[in-house]
Amino acid sequence: MPGDGLSIGSVSIFNESLVMMKPFVIHFSPGPGWSAGKTSREQPYWDEHAVFMDGLFSQGRIILGGPYADYSGVLVIITAEDEETARMTFAEDPFTVNGVLTLTSVHEWLIFLDSRQKTE
């Protein structure tokens, strides 16, 4: 039922205004401000970025997120109303504002399999 919260498997995610929220896969690449040879947590603006991301997580906007093991990029799965809203979600992220990461692609994602939604 709309407004009852999150149901990723069937993609019935609604915000407070009862607007359908869809999952989006966001890819980031190291930007010109990325310090080679350092982990994500060692990058400039890490603390500010972490606060920004924690805020999105607290709002229920982030489903999953993190860097690739080799730090060649970052993948974040979020909920948003549409692609433009998904892109704009990161417009004020200190990592993107300061060129540490560059948003390279945004794709709406259709989830067919989700082990978190298994019925017993």
C-alpha atoms as a PDB file:
ATOM      1  CA  MET A   1       0.000   0.000   0.000  1.00  0.00           C
ATOM      2  CA  PRO A   2       1.408   3.465  -0.838  1.00  0.00           C
ATOM      3  CA  GLY A   3       2.964   5.226   2.105  1.00  0.00           C
ATOM      4  CA  ASP A   4       3.681   1.979   3.945  1.00  0.00           C
ATOM      5  CA  GLY A   5       7.379   2.249   3.142  1.00  0.00           C
ATOM      6  CA  LEU A   6       9.859   0.314   1.112  1.00  0.00           C
ATOM      7  CA  SER A   7       9.399  -2.836  -0.944  1.00  0.00           C
ATOM      8  CA  ILE A   8      12.421  -3.067  -3.220  1.00  0.00           C
ATOM      9  CA  GLY A   9      11.619  -6.452  -4.775  1.00  0.00           C
ATOM     10  CA  SER A  10       8.314  -5.277  -6.217  1.00  0.00           C
ATOM     11  CA  VAL A  11       9.630  -1.707  -6.542  1.00  0.00           C
ATOM     12  CA  SER A  12       6.728  -0.134  -4.671  1.00  0.00           C
ATOM     13  CA  ILE A  13       8.719   2.595  -3.001  1.00  0.00           C
ATOM     14  CA  PHE A  14       6.853   5.803  -2.201  1.00  0.00           C
ATOM     15  CA  ASN A  15       7.970   9.042  -0.605  1.00  0.00           C
ATOM     16  CA  GLU A  16       5.919  11.114   1.856  1.00  0.00           C
ATOM     17  CA  SER A  17       3.972  12.691  -1.041  1.00  0.00           C
ATOM     18  CA  LEU A  18       2.980   9.237  -2.339  1.00  0.00           C
ATOM     19  CA  VAL A  19       5.174   9.705  -5.407  1.00  0.00           C
ATOM     20  CA  MET A  20       6.587   6.450  -6.770  1.00  0.00           C
ATOM     21  CA  MET A  21      10.298   6.186  -6.049  1.00  0.00           C
ATOM     22  CA  LYS A  22      12.308   3.979  -8.414  1.00  0.00           C
ATOM     23  CA  PRO A  23      15.747   2.436  -7.936  1.00  0.00           C
ATOM     24  CA  PHE A  24      18.630   3.962  -9.897  1.00  0.00           C
ATOM     25  CA  VAL A  25      22.199   2.729 -10.304  1.00  0.00           C
ATOM     26  CA  ILE A  26      24.717   5.572 -10.196  1.00  0.00           C
ATOM     27  CA  HIS A  27      28.322   5.112 -11.363  1.00  0.00           C
ATOM     28  CA  PHE A  28      31.114   7.486 -10.409  1.00  0.00           C
ATOM     29  CA  SER A  29      34.713   7.604 -11.644  1.00  0.00           C
ATOM     30  CA  PRO A  30      37.698   9.252  -9.988  1.00  0.00           C
ATOM     31  CA  GLY A  31      37.704  12.925 -10.908  1.00  0.00           C
ATOM     32  CA  PRO A  32      40.572  15.415 -11.259  1.00  0.00           C
ATOM     33  CA  GLY A  33      40.549  15.932  -7.475  1.00  0.00           C
ATOM     34  CA  TRP A  34      41.068  12.212  -6.737  1.00  0.00           C
ATOM     35  CA  SER A  35      44.387  11.471  -4.999  1.00  0.00           C
ATOM     36  CA  ALA A  36      45.839   8.384  -6.681  1.00  0.00           C
ATOM     37  CA  GLY A  37      47.066   5.680  -4.354  1.00  0.00           C
ATOM     38  CA  LYS A  38      44.692   6.668  -1.557  1.00  0.00           C
ATOM     39  CA  THR A  39      41.475   4.986  -0.419  1.00  0.00           C
ATOM     40  CA  SER A  40      38.112   6.734  -0.455  1.00  0.00           C
ATOM     41  CA  ARG A  41      38.437   7.577   3.233  1.00  0.00           C
ATOM     42  CA  GLU A  42      41.840   9.185   2.624  1.00  0.00           C
ATOM     43  CA  GLN A  43      40.544  11.509  -0.114  1.00  0.00           C
ATOM     44  CA  PRO A  44      40.145  15.252   0.419  1.00  0.00           C
ATOM     45  CA  TYR A  45      36.616  16.189   1.589  1.00  0.00           C
ATOM     46  CA  TRP A  46      35.979  12.661   2.924  1.00  0.00           C
ATOM     47  CA  ASP A  47      34.432  13.883   6.187  1.00  0.00           C
ATOM     48  CA  GLU A  48      32.049  16.251   4.393  1.00  0.00           C
ATOM     49  CA  HIS A  49      31.161  13.568   1.832  1.00  0.00           C
ATOM     50  CA  ALA A  50      30.477  11.034   4.612  1.00  0.00           C
ATOM     51  CA  VAL A  51      28.090  13.458   6.348  1.00  0.00           C
ATOM     52  CA  PHE A  52      26.307  14.093   3.028  1.00  0.00           C
ATOM     53  CA  MET A  53      25.948  10.365   2.292  1.00  0.00           C
ATOM     54  CA  ASP A  54      24.863   9.582   5.868  1.00  0.00           C
ATOM     55  CA  GLY A  55      22.074  12.134   5.413  1.00  0.00           C
ATOM     56  CA  LEU A  56      20.845  10.414   2.247  1.00  0.00           C
ATOM     57  CA  PHE A  57      21.063   7.056   3.998  1.00  0.00           C
ATOM     58  CA  SER A  58      19.049   8.357   6.974  1.00  0.00           C
ATOM     59  CA  GLN A  59      16.355   9.558   4.554  1.00  0.00           C
ATOM     60  CA  GLY A  60      16.139   6.050   3.084  1.00  0.00           C
ATOM     61  CA  ARG A  61      17.417   7.275  -0.290  1.00  0.00           C
ATOM     62  CA  ILE A  62      20.504   5.029  -0.458  1.00  0.00           C
ATOM     63  CA  ILE A  63      19.924   1.310  -0.881  1.00  0.00           C
ATOM     64  CA  LEU A  64      23.589   0.297  -1.331  1.00  0.00           C
ATOM     65  CA  GLY A  65      26.799   2.141  -2.013  1.00  0.00           C
ATOM     66  CA  GLY A  66      30.561   1.962  -1.957  1.00  0.00           C
ATOM     67  CA  PRO A  67      33.779   1.940  -3.947  1.00  0.00           C
ATOM     68  CA  TYR A  68      35.021  -0.905  -6.109  1.00  0.00           C
ATOM     69  CA  ALA A  69      37.705  -2.925  -4.311  1.00  0.00           C
ATOM     70  CA  ASP A  70      40.405  -1.461  -6.576  1.00  0.00           C
ATOM     71  CA  TYR A  71      39.072   2.114  -6.111  1.00  0.00           C
ATOM     72  CA  SER A  72      38.599   2.501  -9.872  1.00  0.00           C
ATOM     73  CA  GLY A  73      35.075   3.807  -9.293  1.00  0.00           C
ATOM     74  CA  VAL A  74      32.047   3.912  -7.038  1.00  0.00           C
ATOM     75  CA  LEU A  75      28.593   2.381  -7.358  1.00  0.00           C
ATOM     76  CA  VAL A  76      25.578   3.773  -5.489  1.00  0.00           C
ATOM     77  CA  ILE A  77      22.013   2.485  -5.730  1.00  0.00           C
ATOM     78  CA  ILE A  78      19.428   5.058  -4.691  1.00  0.00           C
ATOM     79  CA  THR A  79      15.713   5.701  -4.895  1.00  0.00           C
ATOM     80  CA  ALA A  80      14.448   8.704  -6.840  1.00  0.00           C
ATOM     81  CA  GLU A  81      11.353   9.871  -8.706  1.00  0.00           C
ATOM     82  CA  ASP A  82      13.146  10.073 -12.059  1.00  0.00           C
ATOM     83  CA  GLU A  83      16.587  10.202 -13.674  1.00  0.00           C
ATOM     84  CA  GLU A  84      16.984  13.970 -13.322  1.00  0.00           C
ATOM     85  CA  THR A  85      16.208  13.785  -9.600  1.00  0.00           C
ATOM     86  CA  ALA A  86      18.692  10.916  -9.257  1.00  0.00           C
ATOM     87  CA  ARG A  87      21.403  13.039 -10.928  1.00  0.00           C
ATOM     88  CA  MET A  88      20.561  16.127  -8.889  1.00  0.00           C
ATOM     89  CA  THR A  89      20.784  14.114  -5.658  1.00  0.00           C
ATOM     90  CA  PHE A  90      24.566  14.364  -5.944  1.00  0.00           C
ATOM     91  CA  ALA A  91      24.800  17.984  -7.158  1.00  0.00           C
ATOM     92  CA  GLU A  92      25.874  19.141  -3.699  1.00  0.00           C
ATOM     93  CA  ASP A  93      27.922  16.094  -2.689  1.00  0.00           C
ATOM     94  CA  PRO A  94      31.313  17.476  -1.584  1.00  0.00           C
ATOM     95  CA  PHE A  95      33.079  14.743  -3.589  1.00  0.00           C
ATOM     96  CA  THR A  96      31.399  15.794  -6.850  1.00  0.00           C
ATOM     97  CA  VAL A  97      31.472  19.549  -6.125  1.00  0.00           C
ATOM     98  CA  ASN A  98      35.232  19.365  -5.517  1.00  0.00           C
ATOM     99  CA  GLY A  99      36.024  16.987  -8.391  1.00  0.00           C
ATOM    100  CA  VAL A 100      37.024  14.017  -6.239  1.00  0.00           C
ATOM    101  CA  LEU A 101      34.424  11.941  -8.091  1.00  0.00           C
ATOM    102  CA  THR A 102      32.721  12.475 -11.436  1.00  0.00           C
ATOM    103  CA  LEU A 103      29.202  11.150 -11.988  1.00  0.00           C
ATOM    104  CA  THR A 104      29.546   9.052 -15.142  1.00  0.00           C
ATOM    105  CA  SER A 105      26.169   7.344 -15.537  1.00  0.00           C
ATOM    106  CA  VAL A 106      22.670   7.041 -14.125  1.00  0.00           C
ATOM    107  CA  HIS A 107      20.388   4.133 -15.010  1.00  0.00           C
ATOM    108  CA  GLU A 108      16.935   3.266 -13.771  1.00  0.00           C
ATOM    109  CA  TRP A 109      17.145  -0.311 -12.504  1.00  0.00           C
ATOM    110  CA  LEU A 110      14.514  -3.018 -12.767  1.00  0.00           C
ATOM    111  CA  ILE A 111      15.093  -5.472  -9.925  1.00  0.00           C
ATOM    112  CA  PHE A 112      14.080  -9.008 -10.850  1.00  0.00           C
ATOM    113  CA  LEU A 113      15.914 -10.906  -8.103  1.00  0.00           C
ATOM    114  CA  ASP A 114      16.374  -9.687  -4.537  1.00  0.00           C
ATOM    115  CA  SER A 115      17.471 -12.164  -1.877  1.00  0.00           C
ATOM    116  CA  ARG A 116      16.547  -9.637   0.815  1.00  0.00           C
ATOM    117  CA  GLN A 117      12.885 -10.105  -0.127  1.00  0.00           C
ATOM    118  CA  LYS A 118      12.666 -13.903   0.176  1.00  0.00           C
ATOM    119  CA  THR A 119       9.430 -15.237   1.598  1.00  0.00           C
ATOM    120  CA  GLU A 120       9.770 -18.078   4.059  1.00  0.00           C
END
